[in-house]
Amino acid sequence: MILYTMMPHEQVFPPSEEGAVNQVMISYNGIPIMAEWTENHEYRVVRVMSTDPNHYMEPSCLPGSTISLS
């Protein structure tokens, strides 16, 4: 089987169930991102899932940055 996808191998086939459970797709200011829930009750950006190049330039959505939805 050939799988054509832009997703990294680790996301399509996660190494463990626990790592993929914490990740959720959210929309932050209209930008779809993959985020991970932290102990500080915030989301940590894992990756930007948008096809719009301008969304990758948004400083608040850089991978590793934390955001609060409240």
Protein backbone atom coordinates (compact mmCIF):
# COMPACT_ATOMS: atom_id res chain seq x y z
CA MET A 1 0.00 0.00 0.00
CA ILE A 2 1.27 3.47 -0.88
CA LEU A 3 0.17 6.32 1.34
CA TYR A 4 0.53 9.82 -0.11
CA THR A 5 0.25 12.34 2.70
CA MET A 6 1.85 15.52 3.96
CA MET A 7 1.65 14.22 7.53
CA PRO A 8 4.87 12.99 9.16
CA HIS A 9 5.30 9.26 9.68
CA GLU A 10 5.05 9.65 13.46
CA GLN A 11 1.61 11.22 13.17
CA VAL A 12 0.18 8.64 10.76
CA PHE A 13 1.67 5.75 12.72
CA PRO A 14 2.22 7.00 16.28
CA PRO A 15 4.88 5.12 18.24
CA SER A 16 2.55 4.81 21.21
CA GLU A 17 -1.12 5.36 21.91
CA GLU A 18 -0.32 7.73 24.78
CA GLY A 19 1.50 10.26 22.59
CA ALA A 20 -1.38 10.61 20.14
CA VAL A 21 -4.10 10.80 22.80
CA ASN A 22 -3.01 14.24 24.06
CA GLN A 23 -2.99 15.81 20.58
CA VAL A 24 -6.12 17.52 19.26
CA MET A 25 -7.02 19.58 16.21
CA ILE A 26 -8.16 23.07 17.19
CA SER A 27 -8.83 26.31 15.38
CA TYR A 28 -7.01 29.30 16.84
CA ASN A 29 -7.94 32.67 15.27
CA GLY A 30 -9.17 30.76 12.22
CA ILE A 31 -5.91 28.82 11.85
CA PRO A 32 -6.18 25.01 12.09
CA ILE A 33 -3.42 23.66 14.32
CA MET A 34 -2.47 20.38 15.98
CA ALA A 35 -2.01 21.06 19.68
CA GLU A 36 -1.15 19.14 22.82
CA TRP A 37 -2.76 19.71 26.24
CA THR A 38 -0.22 20.61 28.95
CA GLU A 39 -0.31 20.40 32.74
CA ASN A 40 -0.59 24.21 32.91
CA HIS A 41 -4.07 24.01 31.34
CA GLU A 42 -2.82 25.46 28.06
CA TYR A 43 -2.25 24.08 24.60
CA ARG A 44 1.24 23.70 23.12
CA VAL A 45 1.31 24.02 19.34
CA VAL A 46 2.66 20.88 17.68
CA ARG A 47 2.18 21.94 14.05
CA VAL A 48 0.17 24.24 11.80
CA MET A 49 -2.27 22.27 9.65
CA SER A 50 -3.25 25.08 7.26
CA THR A 51 -2.56 25.29 3.54
CA ASP A 52 -2.36 29.10 3.68
CA PRO A 53 1.31 30.21 3.74
CA ASN A 54 0.40 33.34 5.73
CA HIS A 55 -0.72 31.20 8.66
CA TYR A 56 2.83 29.87 9.07
CA MET A 57 4.07 33.43 9.65
CA GLU A 58 1.73 34.04 12.61
CA PRO A 59 3.96 34.32 15.73
CA SER A 60 1.30 32.98 18.10
CA CYS A 61 1.04 29.70 16.15
CA LEU A 62 4.70 28.75 15.96
CA PRO A 63 5.35 25.13 16.97
CA GLY A 64 6.30 25.01 20.63
CA SER A 65 4.41 28.13 21.62
CA THR A 66 1.61 27.90 24.16
CA ILE A 67 -1.88 29.28 23.71
CA SER A 68 -4.91 29.61 25.94
CA LEU A 69 -8.42 29.25 24.53
CA SER A 70 -10.23 30.81 27.49
